[in-house]
C-alpha atoms as a PDB file:
ATOM      1  CA  MET A   1      55.987 145.102 -48.892  1.00  0.00           C
ATOM      2  CA  ILE A   2      60.024 144.818 -48.411  1.00  0.00           C
ATOM      3  CA  SER A   3      61.224 141.465 -47.370  1.00  0.00           C
ATOM      4  CA  PHE A   4      64.705 141.437 -45.731  1.00  0.00           C
ATOM      5  CA  GLN A   5      67.349 138.924 -45.469  1.00  0.00           C
ATOM      6  CA  LYS A   6      68.032 137.174 -42.499  1.00  0.00           C
ATOM      7  CA  GLN A   7      71.491 137.926 -41.347  1.00  0.00           C
ATOM      8  CA  PRO A   8      72.462 136.859 -37.584  1.00  0.00           C
ATOM      9  CA  LEU A   9      75.808 138.631 -37.800  1.00  0.00           C
ATOM     10  CA  MET A  10      74.195 141.779 -38.279  1.00  0.00           C
ATOM     11  CA  ARG A  11      71.247 141.375 -35.948  1.00  0.00           C
ATOM     12  CA  LYS A  12      74.244 141.253 -33.519  1.00  0.00           C
ATOM     13  CA  VAL A  13      75.444 144.725 -34.411  1.00  0.00           C
ATOM     14  CA  LEU A  14      72.141 146.244 -34.135  1.00  0.00           C
ATOM     15  CA  TYR A  15      71.963 144.663 -30.723  1.00  0.00           C
ATOM     16  CA  SER A  16      74.915 146.297 -29.600  1.00  0.00           C
ATOM     17  CA  LEU A  17      74.101 149.655 -30.623  1.00  0.00           C
ATOM     18  CA  VAL A  18      70.898 149.419 -28.704  1.00  0.00           C
ATOM     19  CA  PRO A  19      72.347 150.785 -25.410  1.00  0.00           C
ATOM     20  CA  ILE A  20      74.212 153.824 -27.738  1.00  0.00           C
ATOM     21  CA  PHE A  21      71.139 154.752 -29.070  1.00  0.00           C
ATOM     22  CA  VAL A  22      69.170 154.770 -25.900  1.00  0.00           C
ATOM     23  CA  PHE A  23      72.137 156.925 -24.827  1.00  0.00           C
ATOM     24  CA  SER A  24      71.720 159.485 -27.699  1.00  0.00           C
ATOM     25  CA  PHE A  25      68.219 160.225 -27.399  1.00  0.00           C
ATOM     26  CA  TYR A  26      68.520 161.010 -23.147  1.00  0.00           C
ATOM     27  CA  LEU A  27      71.383 163.330 -24.790  1.00  0.00           C
ATOM     28  CA  TYR A  28      69.664 164.837 -28.005  1.00  0.00           C
ATOM     29  CA  GLY A  29      66.061 163.832 -27.486  1.00  0.00           C
ATOM     30  CA  LEU A  30      63.454 163.925 -30.585  1.00  0.00           C
ATOM     31  CA  ARG A  31      66.221 164.834 -32.851  1.00  0.00           C
ATOM     32  CA  VAL A  32      67.364 161.511 -33.010  1.00  0.00           C
ATOM     33  CA  LEU A  33      64.193 159.753 -34.001  1.00  0.00           C
ATOM     34  CA  TRP A  34      63.279 162.730 -36.310  1.00  0.00           C
ATOM     35  CA  LEU A  35      66.708 162.627 -38.457  1.00  0.00           C
ATOM     36  CA  GLY A  36      66.679 158.866 -37.950  1.00  0.00           C
ATOM     37  CA  LEU A  37      62.990 158.745 -39.774  1.00  0.00           C
ATOM     38  CA  PHE A  38      65.264 159.755 -43.135  1.00  0.00           C
ATOM     39  CA  VAL A  39      68.420 157.848 -42.589  1.00  0.00           C
ATOM     40  CA  PHE A  40      66.750 154.996 -42.210  1.00  0.00           C
ATOM     41  CA  SER A  41      63.899 155.505 -45.083  1.00  0.00           C
ATOM     42  CA  ALA A  42      66.848 156.868 -47.244  1.00  0.00           C
ATOM     43  CA  GLY A  43      69.261 153.662 -46.891  1.00  0.00           C
ATOM     44  CA  ILE A  44      66.197 150.942 -47.352  1.00  0.00           C
ATOM     45  CA  LEU A  45      64.431 152.471 -50.289  1.00  0.00           C
ATOM     46  CA  THR A  46      67.828 153.123 -51.853  1.00  0.00           C
ATOM     47  CA  GLU A  47      69.038 149.165 -51.559  1.00  0.00           C
ATOM     48  CA  TYR A  48      65.108 148.195 -52.457  1.00  0.00           C
ATOM     49  CA  VAL A  49      65.123 150.033 -55.592  1.00  0.00           C
ATOM     50  CA  MET A  50      68.793 148.288 -56.406  1.00  0.00           C
ATOM     51  CA  GLU A  51      68.115 144.737 -55.301  1.00  0.00           C
ATOM     52  CA  LYS A  52      64.409 145.001 -56.694  1.00  0.00           C
ATOM     53  CA  GLN A  53      65.856 144.808 -60.241  1.00  0.00           C
ATOM     54  CA  LYS A  54      67.552 141.211 -59.687  1.00  0.00           C
ATOM     55  CA  ASN A  55      64.591 139.823 -57.403  1.00  0.00           C
ATOM     56  CA  LYS A  56      66.836 140.030 -54.429  1.00  0.00           C
ATOM     57  CA  PRO A  57      65.652 141.075 -50.716  1.00  0.00           C
ATOM     58  CA  VAL A  58      67.277 144.039 -48.881  1.00  0.00           C
ATOM     59  CA  SER A  59      69.677 142.900 -46.658  1.00  0.00           C
ATOM     60  CA  GLU A  60      69.657 143.387 -42.904  1.00  0.00           C
ATOM     61  CA  ALA A  61      73.081 144.937 -43.266  1.00  0.00           C
ATOM     62  CA  VAL A  62      71.508 148.330 -44.453  1.00  0.00           C
ATOM     63  CA  LEU A  63      70.199 148.866 -41.571  1.00  0.00           C
ATOM     64  CA  VAL A  64      73.283 148.405 -39.581  1.00  0.00           C
ATOM     65  CA  THR A  65      74.751 150.970 -42.088  1.00  0.00           C
ATOM     66  CA  CYS A  66      71.973 153.344 -41.372  1.00  0.00           C
ATOM     67  CA  SER A  67      72.470 153.263 -37.533  1.00  0.00           C
ATOM     68  CA  LEU A  68      75.999 153.811 -37.860  1.00  0.00           C
ATOM     69  CA  LEU A  69      75.686 156.517 -40.025  1.00  0.00           C
ATOM     70  CA  LEU A  70      73.039 158.008 -37.786  1.00  0.00           C
ATOM     71  CA  LEU A  71      74.801 158.117 -34.727  1.00  0.00           C
ATOM     72  CA  SER A  72      78.008 159.478 -36.536  1.00  0.00           C
ATOM     73  CA  LEU A  73      76.211 162.632 -37.666  1.00  0.00           C
ATOM     74  CA  PRO A  74      75.830 166.024 -35.501  1.00  0.00           C
ATOM     75  CA  PRO A  75      72.510 166.410 -34.080  1.00  0.00           C
ATOM     76  CA  LEU A  76      71.691 169.332 -35.824  1.00  0.00           C
ATOM     77  CA  THR A  77      72.075 168.019 -39.349  1.00  0.00           C
ATOM     78  CA  PRO A  78      69.628 168.961 -41.784  1.00  0.00           C
ATOM     79  CA  TRP A  79      67.449 165.765 -42.857  1.00  0.00           C
ATOM     80  CA  TRP A  80      68.023 166.591 -46.599  1.00  0.00           C
ATOM     81  CA  VAL A  81      72.193 166.430 -45.790  1.00  0.00           C
ATOM     82  CA  ALA A  82      71.651 162.971 -43.560  1.00  0.00           C
ATOM     83  CA  VAL A  83      69.535 161.818 -46.889  1.00  0.00           C
ATOM     84  CA  ILE A  84      71.969 162.657 -49.439  1.00  0.00           C
ATOM     85  CA  GLY A  85      75.156 160.832 -47.327  1.00  0.00           C
ATOM     86  CA  THR A  86      72.707 157.884 -46.360  1.00  0.00           C
ATOM     87  CA  SER A  87      72.037 157.281 -50.318  1.00  0.00           C
ATOM     88  CA  PHE A  88      75.183 158.108 -51.334  1.00  0.00           C
ATOM     89  CA  GLY A  89      76.730 155.284 -49.044  1.00  0.00           C
ATOM     90  CA  VAL A  90      74.454 152.993 -49.966  1.00  0.00           C
ATOM     91  CA  PHE A  91      74.408 153.461 -53.709  1.00  0.00           C
ATOM     92  CA  ILE A  92      77.751 154.167 -54.545  1.00  0.00           C
ATOM     93  CA  ALA A  93      79.912 152.441 -52.078  1.00  0.00           C
ATOM     94  CA  LYS A  94      77.733 149.178 -51.919  1.00  0.00           C
ATOM     95  CA  GLU A  95      75.224 148.576 -54.981  1.00  0.00           C
ATOM     96  CA  VAL A  96      77.067 149.757 -57.541  1.00  0.00           C
ATOM     97  CA  TYR A  97      79.723 147.200 -56.498  1.00  0.00           C
ATOM     98  CA  GLY A  98      76.938 144.436 -56.648  1.00  0.00           C
ATOM     99  CA  GLY A  99      75.542 144.329 -53.114  1.00  0.00           C
ATOM    100  CA  PHE A 100      76.567 143.093 -49.840  1.00  0.00           C
ATOM    101  CA  GLY A 101      79.440 140.954 -49.434  1.00  0.00           C
ATOM    102  CA  ARG A 102      81.127 143.148 -52.754  1.00  0.00           C
ATOM    103  CA  ASN A 103      81.369 146.374 -51.709  1.00  0.00           C
ATOM    104  CA  ILE A 104      85.189 147.439 -51.009  1.00  0.00           C
ATOM    105  CA  PHE A 105      84.658 150.498 -48.967  1.00  0.00           C
ATOM    106  CA  ASN A 106      82.290 150.583 -45.500  1.00  0.00           C
ATOM    107  CA  PRO A 107      79.279 152.440 -46.696  1.00  0.00           C
ATOM    108  CA  ALA A 108      78.851 154.366 -43.746  1.00  0.00           C
ATOM    109  CA  ILE A 109      82.319 155.428 -43.485  1.00  0.00           C
ATOM    110  CA  ALA A 110      81.934 156.284 -47.484  1.00  0.00           C
ATOM    111  CA  GLY A 111      78.656 158.383 -46.709  1.00  0.00           C
ATOM    112  CA  ARG A 112      79.793 159.904 -44.108  1.00  0.00           C
ATOM    113  CA  LEU A 113      82.334 161.513 -45.344  1.00  0.00           C
ATOM    114  CA  PHE A 114      80.836 162.454 -49.245  1.00  0.00           C
ATOM    115  CA  ILE A 115      78.606 164.764 -46.937  1.00  0.00           C
ATOM    116  CA  TYR A 116      81.646 166.016 -44.364  1.00  0.00           C
ATOM    117  CA  ILE A 117      83.117 167.526 -47.373  1.00  0.00           C
ATOM    118  CA  SER A 118      80.464 168.541 -49.529  1.00  0.00           C
ATOM    119  CA  PHE A 119      78.834 170.249 -46.543  1.00  0.00           C
ATOM    120  CA  PRO A 120      81.646 171.105 -44.333  1.00  0.00           C
ATOM    121  CA  THR A 121      79.341 173.904 -42.381  1.00  0.00           C
ATOM    122  CA  PHE A 122      76.597 171.261 -41.412  1.00  0.00           C
ATOM    123  CA  MET A 123      79.342 168.647 -40.348  1.00  0.00           C
ATOM    124  CA  THR A 124      81.828 170.442 -38.626  1.00  0.00           C
ATOM    125  CA  THR A 125      81.293 173.949 -37.073  1.00  0.00           C
ATOM    126  CA  GLN A 126      77.356 173.443 -35.996  1.00  0.00           C
ATOM    127  CA  TRP A 127      77.165 171.325 -32.550  1.00  0.00           C
ATOM    128  CA  LEU A 128      74.744 171.060 -29.751  1.00  0.00           C
ATOM    129  CA  LEU A 129      75.673 170.796 -25.767  1.00  0.00           C
ATOM    130  CA  PRO A 130      73.689 167.794 -24.200  1.00  0.00           C
ATOM    131  CA  ARG A 131      70.840 167.897 -22.928  1.00  0.00           C
ATOM    132  CA  THR A 132      70.255 171.827 -24.055  1.00  0.00           C
ATOM    133  CA  ASP A 133      69.670 173.676 -26.868  1.00  0.00           C
ATOM    134  CA  THR A 134      72.718 175.633 -26.675  1.00  0.00           C
ATOM    135  CA  LEU A 135      74.817 175.785 -29.910  1.00  0.00           C
ATOM    136  CA  THR A 136      78.438 175.638 -29.855  1.00  0.00           C
ATOM    137  CA  SER A 137      80.980 175.704 -33.054  1.00  0.00           C
ATOM    138  CA  ALA A 138      83.589 173.515 -31.658  1.00  0.00           C
ATOM    139  CA  THR A 139      83.915 169.687 -30.193  1.00  0.00           C
ATOM    140  CA  PRO A 140      86.728 168.662 -27.814  1.00  0.00           C
ATOM    141  CA  LEU A 141      88.478 167.471 -30.424  1.00  0.00           C
ATOM    142  CA  ASP A 142      88.608 171.189 -31.882  1.00  0.00           C
ATOM    143  CA  LEU A 143      89.429 173.000 -28.545  1.00  0.00           C
ATOM    144  CA  LEU A 144      92.075 170.735 -28.316  1.00  0.00           C
ATOM    145  CA  ARG A 145      93.830 171.591 -31.375  1.00  0.00           C
ATOM    146  CA  THR A 146      93.974 174.751 -30.287  1.00  0.00           C
ATOM    147  CA  GLY A 147      95.642 174.281 -26.974  1.00  0.00           C
ATOM    148  CA  GLN A 148      92.724 173.868 -24.582  1.00  0.00           C
ATOM    149  CA  ASN A 149      92.317 171.252 -21.760  1.00  0.00           C
ATOM    150  CA  MET A 150      89.119 169.336 -21.339  1.00  0.00           C
ATOM    151  CA  ASP A 151      87.530 167.587 -18.163  1.00  0.00           C
ATOM    152  CA  LEU A 152      88.195 163.985 -18.539  1.00  0.00           C
ATOM    153  CA  LYS A 153      85.155 162.963 -16.589  1.00  0.00           C
ATOM    154  CA  ASN A 154      82.989 164.676 -18.964  1.00  0.00           C
ATOM    155  CA  LEU A 155      84.732 163.001 -22.071  1.00  0.00           C
ATOM    156  CA  LEU A 156      84.590 159.284 -20.331  1.00  0.00           C
ATOM    157  CA  LEU A 157      80.390 159.978 -19.455  1.00  0.00           C
ATOM    158  CA  GLY A 158      80.219 160.987 -22.591  1.00  0.00           C
ATOM    159  CA  ILE A 159      78.318 164.557 -21.566  1.00  0.00           C
ATOM    160  CA  ARG A 160      80.649 166.688 -24.244  1.00  0.00           C
ATOM    161  CA  PRO A 161      79.433 167.849 -27.710  1.00  0.00           C
ATOM    162  CA  GLY A 162      80.165 165.407 -30.875  1.00  0.00           C
ATOM    163  CA  ALA A 163      78.152 162.992 -32.991  1.00  0.00           C
ATOM    164  CA  ILE A 164      74.948 161.547 -31.908  1.00  0.00           C
ATOM    165  CA  GLY A 165      76.250 158.328 -30.645  1.00  0.00           C
ATOM    166  CA  GLU A 166      79.847 158.533 -30.378  1.00  0.00           C
ATOM    167  CA  SER A 167      80.756 160.233 -26.892  1.00  0.00           C
ATOM    168  CA  SER A 168      79.645 157.490 -24.392  1.00  0.00           C
ATOM    169  CA  ILE A 169      82.856 155.558 -24.067  1.00  0.00           C
ATOM    170  CA  LEU A 170      81.909 153.140 -21.619  1.00  0.00           C
ATOM    171  CA  LEU A 171      78.941 151.938 -24.060  1.00  0.00           C
ATOM    172  CA  ILE A 172      81.130 151.760 -26.414  1.00  0.00           C
ATOM    173  CA  VAL A 173      83.593 149.386 -24.354  1.00  0.00           C
ATOM    174  CA  ILE A 174      80.354 147.376 -23.272  1.00  0.00           C
ATOM    175  CA  ALA A 175      79.489 146.850 -27.043  1.00  0.00           C
ATOM    176  CA  ALA A 176      83.178 145.768 -28.126  1.00  0.00           C
ATOM    177  CA  VAL A 177      83.393 143.155 -25.521  1.00  0.00           C
ATOM    178  CA  TYR A 178      79.975 141.677 -26.547  1.00  0.00           C
ATOM    179  CA  LEU A 179      80.916 141.458 -30.361  1.00  0.00           C
ATOM    180  CA  ILE A 180      84.134 140.234 -29.240  1.00  0.00           C
ATOM    181  CA  PHE A 181      82.807 137.644 -27.373  1.00  0.00           C
ATOM    182  CA  THR A 182      80.159 136.985 -29.645  1.00  0.00           C
ATOM    183  CA  LYS A 183      82.683 136.401 -32.566  1.00  0.00           C
ATOM    184  CA  THR A 184      80.904 138.952 -34.045  1.00  0.00           C
ATOM    185  CA  ALA A 185      83.842 141.386 -34.317  1.00  0.00           C
ATOM    186  CA  SER A 186      87.486 140.838 -34.967  1.00  0.00           C
ATOM    187  CA  PHE A 187      89.466 141.749 -31.548  1.00  0.00           C
ATOM    188  CA  ARG A 188      92.766 141.873 -33.773  1.00  0.00           C
ATOM    189  CA  ILE A 189      91.224 144.832 -35.906  1.00  0.00           C
ATOM    190  CA  ILE A 190      89.864 146.645 -32.812  1.00  0.00           C
ATOM    191  CA  VAL A 191      93.571 145.928 -30.886  1.00  0.00           C
ATOM    192  CA  SER A 192      95.731 147.300 -33.327  1.00  0.00           C
ATOM    193  CA  THR A 193      93.556 150.174 -34.510  1.00  0.00           C
ATOM    194  CA  PHE A 194      93.322 151.493 -31.034  1.00  0.00           C
ATOM    195  CA  LEU A 195      97.048 150.120 -29.595  1.00  0.00           C
ATOM    196  CA  SER A 196      98.288 152.267 -32.886  1.00  0.00           C
ATOM    197  CA  ALA A 197      96.549 155.267 -32.707  1.00  0.00           C
ATOM    198  CA  ALA A 198      97.314 155.369 -28.708  1.00  0.00           C
ATOM    199  CA  ALA A 199     100.670 155.040 -29.054  1.00  0.00           C
ATOM    200  CA  LEU A 200     101.297 157.581 -32.002  1.00  0.00           C
ATOM    201  CA  THR A 201      99.182 160.025 -29.938  1.00  0.00           C
ATOM    202  CA  PHE A 202     101.259 159.192 -26.949  1.00  0.00           C
ATOM    203  CA  LEU A 203     105.033 160.038 -29.183  1.00  0.00           C
ATOM    204  CA  LEU A 204     103.482 163.146 -30.627  1.00  0.00           C
ATOM    205  CA  ASP A 205     102.395 164.295 -26.958  1.00  0.00           C
ATOM    206  CA  LEU A 206     106.041 163.227 -25.952  1.00  0.00           C
ATOM    207  CA  LEU A 207     107.747 165.440 -28.967  1.00  0.00           C
ATOM    208  CA  LYS A 208     104.952 168.514 -28.548  1.00  0.00           C
ATOM    209  CA  ALA A 209     104.231 168.131 -31.825  1.00  0.00           C
ATOM    210  CA  GLY A 210     100.695 167.442 -30.873  1.00  0.00           C
ATOM    211  CA  PRO A 211      97.813 167.792 -28.075  1.00  0.00           C
ATOM    212  CA  SER A 212      97.611 165.998 -25.019  1.00  0.00           C
ATOM    213  CA  SER A 213      97.373 162.075 -25.683  1.00  0.00           C
ATOM    214  CA  LEU A 214      95.045 160.916 -23.107  1.00  0.00           C
ATOM    215  CA  PRO A 215      92.199 163.656 -24.067  1.00  0.00           C
ATOM    216  CA  MET A 216      93.046 162.925 -27.570  1.00  0.00           C
ATOM    217  CA  LEU A 217      91.966 159.671 -27.134  1.00  0.00           C
ATOM    218  CA  LEU A 218      88.814 159.824 -25.566  1.00  0.00           C
ATOM    219  CA  SER A 219      87.750 162.565 -27.930  1.00  0.00           C
ATOM    220  CA  GLY A 220      86.274 162.340 -31.539  1.00  0.00           C
ATOM    221  CA  SER A 221      85.247 158.954 -32.879  1.00  0.00           C
ATOM    222  CA  LEU A 222      87.927 157.103 -32.626  1.00  0.00           C
ATOM    223  CA  PHE A 223      86.480 154.522 -29.932  1.00  0.00           C
ATOM    224  CA  PHE A 224      83.353 154.326 -32.220  1.00  0.00           C
ATOM    225  CA  VAL A 225      84.696 154.065 -35.863  1.00  0.00           C
ATOM    226  CA  THR A 226      87.229 151.589 -33.661  1.00  0.00           C
ATOM    227  CA  VAL A 227      84.779 149.079 -32.847  1.00  0.00           C
ATOM    228  CA  PHE A 228      81.888 149.472 -35.410  1.00  0.00           C
ATOM    229  CA  MET A 229      83.509 150.695 -38.304  1.00  0.00           C
ATOM    230  CA  ALA A 230      86.878 149.603 -38.845  1.00  0.00           C
ATOM    231  CA  THR A 231      85.671 145.890 -37.833  1.00  0.00           C
ATOM    232  CA  ASP A 232      83.168 145.726 -40.769  1.00  0.00           C
ATOM    233  CA  PRO A 233      83.650 142.203 -42.107  1.00  0.00           C
ATOM    234  CA  VAL A 234      82.980 142.813 -45.775  1.00  0.00           C
ATOM    235  CA  SER A 235      85.019 145.414 -46.084  1.00  0.00           C
ATOM    236  CA  ALA A 236      88.454 144.568 -43.737  1.00  0.00           C
ATOM    237  CA  PRO A 237      90.531 141.959 -44.625  1.00  0.00           C
ATOM    238  CA  LYS A 238      89.688 138.585 -43.964  1.00  0.00           C
ATOM    239  CA  ARG A 239      93.333 137.172 -42.959  1.00  0.00           C
ATOM    240  CA  LYS A 240      94.346 137.496 -39.359  1.00  0.00           C
ATOM    241  CA  GLU A 241      97.753 138.200 -40.107  1.00  0.00           C
ATOM    242  CA  ALA A 242      96.403 140.845 -42.539  1.00  0.00           C
ATOM    243  CA  GLN A 243      94.075 142.273 -39.871  1.00  0.00           C
ATOM    244  CA  TRP A 244      96.555 142.921 -37.606  1.00  0.00           C
ATOM    245  CA  ILE A 245      98.170 145.418 -40.091  1.00  0.00           C
ATOM    246  CA  TYR A 246      95.205 146.772 -41.266  1.00  0.00           C
ATOM    247  CA  GLY A 247      94.361 148.375 -37.679  1.00  0.00           C
ATOM    248  CA  VAL A 248      97.685 149.815 -37.900  1.00  0.00           C
ATOM    249  CA  ILE A 249      96.977 151.526 -40.676  1.00  0.00           C
ATOM    250  CA  ILE A 250      93.816 152.996 -39.824  1.00  0.00           C
ATOM    251  CA  GLY A 251      95.323 153.990 -36.765  1.00  0.00           C
ATOM    252  CA  VAL A 252      98.546 155.751 -37.838  1.00  0.00           C
ATOM    253  CA  CYS A 253      96.207 157.637 -40.740  1.00  0.00           C
ATOM    254  CA  THR A 254      93.459 158.691 -38.181  1.00  0.00           C
ATOM    255  CA  VAL A 255      96.020 160.397 -35.726  1.00  0.00           C
ATOM    256  CA  LEU A 256      98.284 162.098 -38.383  1.00  0.00           C
ATOM    257  CA  ILE A 257      95.267 163.251 -40.018  1.00  0.00           C
ATOM    258  CA  ARG A 258      93.648 164.551 -36.956  1.00  0.00           C
ATOM    259  CA  THR A 259      96.590 166.149 -35.540  1.00  0.00           C
ATOM    260  CA  PHE A 260      98.272 167.419 -38.936  1.00  0.00           C
ATOM    261  CA  SER A 261      95.394 168.057 -41.283  1.00  0.00           C
ATOM    262  CA  LEU A 262      92.994 170.547 -41.896  1.00  0.00           C
ATOM    263  CA  PHE A 263      90.373 168.197 -40.678  1.00  0.00           C
ATOM    264  CA  SER A 264      89.925 168.061 -36.936  1.00  0.00           C
ATOM    265  CA  GLU A 265      88.766 163.989 -37.101  1.00  0.00           C
ATOM    266  CA  GLY A 266      90.689 161.745 -39.336  1.00  0.00           C
ATOM    267  CA  THR A 267      89.034 158.326 -38.568  1.00  0.00           C
ATOM    268  CA  SER A 268      86.262 158.619 -41.516  1.00  0.00           C
ATOM    269  CA  PHE A 269      89.636 159.010 -43.836  1.00  0.00           C
ATOM    270  CA  GLY A 270      91.293 156.294 -42.091  1.00  0.00           C
ATOM    271  CA  VAL A 271      88.943 153.387 -42.614  1.00  0.00           C
ATOM    272  CA  LEU A 272      88.527 154.193 -46.146  1.00  0.00           C
ATOM    273  CA  ILE A 273      92.259 154.018 -46.658  1.00  0.00           C
ATOM    274  CA  GLY A 274      92.446 150.866 -44.522  1.00  0.00           C
ATOM    275  CA  ASN A 275      89.443 149.709 -47.111  1.00  0.00           C
ATOM    276  CA  THR A 276      91.861 150.304 -49.945  1.00  0.00           C
ATOM    277  CA  PHE A 277      94.550 148.367 -48.996  1.00  0.00           C
ATOM    278  CA  ALA A 278      92.366 145.453 -47.204  1.00  0.00           C
ATOM    279  CA  SER A 279      92.306 142.878 -50.132  1.00  0.00           C
ATOM    280  CA  LEU A 280      95.712 143.377 -51.121  1.00  0.00           C
ATOM    281  CA  LEU A 281      97.127 142.503 -47.576  1.00  0.00           C
ATOM    282  CA  ASP A 282      95.130 139.265 -48.125  1.00  0.00           C
ATOM    283  CA  GLU A 283      96.850 138.684 -50.954  1.00  0.00           C
ATOM    284  CA  ILE A 284     100.718 139.648 -50.287  1.00  0.00           C
ATOM    285  CA  LEU A 285     101.038 138.317 -47.451  1.00  0.00           C
ATOM    286  CA  PRO A 286     102.526 134.814 -47.146  1.00  0.00           C
ATOM    287  CA  LYS A 287     100.252 132.029 -46.738  1.00  0.00           C
ATOM    288  CA  LYS A 288     101.124 129.211 -44.169  1.00  0.00           C
ATOM    289  CA  VAL A 289     102.230 125.999 -45.659  1.00  0.00           C
ATOM    290  CA  LYS A 290     100.184 123.181 -44.204  1.00  0.00           C
ATOM    291  CA  GLN A 291     102.641 120.798 -43.075  1.00  0.00           C
END
């Protein structure tokens, strides 16, 4: 019998994801449940095997990792690709560092990026139009990079191709308000990440160096990653001053990568780059002297 370590903070994140899960089920149906079965099984089993050796329970944080990874996958992701990504994220990005509280990188982001690079055909070209069985090879972000325009209404409502849980801007914003109000997520990271990304996107649009700014901000996983991934309390900085800079690093790197690189989505890269500097920012920023 697998026992879980109670973590109230992680439960609040799970509560905030419930409406997004419901909406994703509305968009993609039983595919979400089928893929989720493999993601959660792989994540829980991987952590159980590692923690059993230390006589420790499985953390409820792994449920958050599995939830975020599942919601960040294309709905047509093969189950075995999802298992590889989940196992990699939990084992390599978390357990080899010593388990919960010791990992440097966000496990969900690490797992997603590993399969994003390893299996690009499944992760970047095979999308599903919501509420249909129609395949499409491009997301709104891909189309914007080729100079095409997008319907802002559909972008706001989340009725567009993309990852399972990234599309509903409204539900993600509501979740952000809940997480900030309950002091579960840092508002400094959310605000600095999004505002820096928005400022650079508008600047590139003004200079004619990037796609139209507003559709660009509403497309892809910027909102989802900003609210749920960047704010991971373990892999993010702990000091308030560092959190502002950390958010700017993620926002700027995300926009530069999604605009100028071969990868249409740069949020995962942005978060991992931010994770790399998180501890350093906590160390090098001057500490306030107590009077």
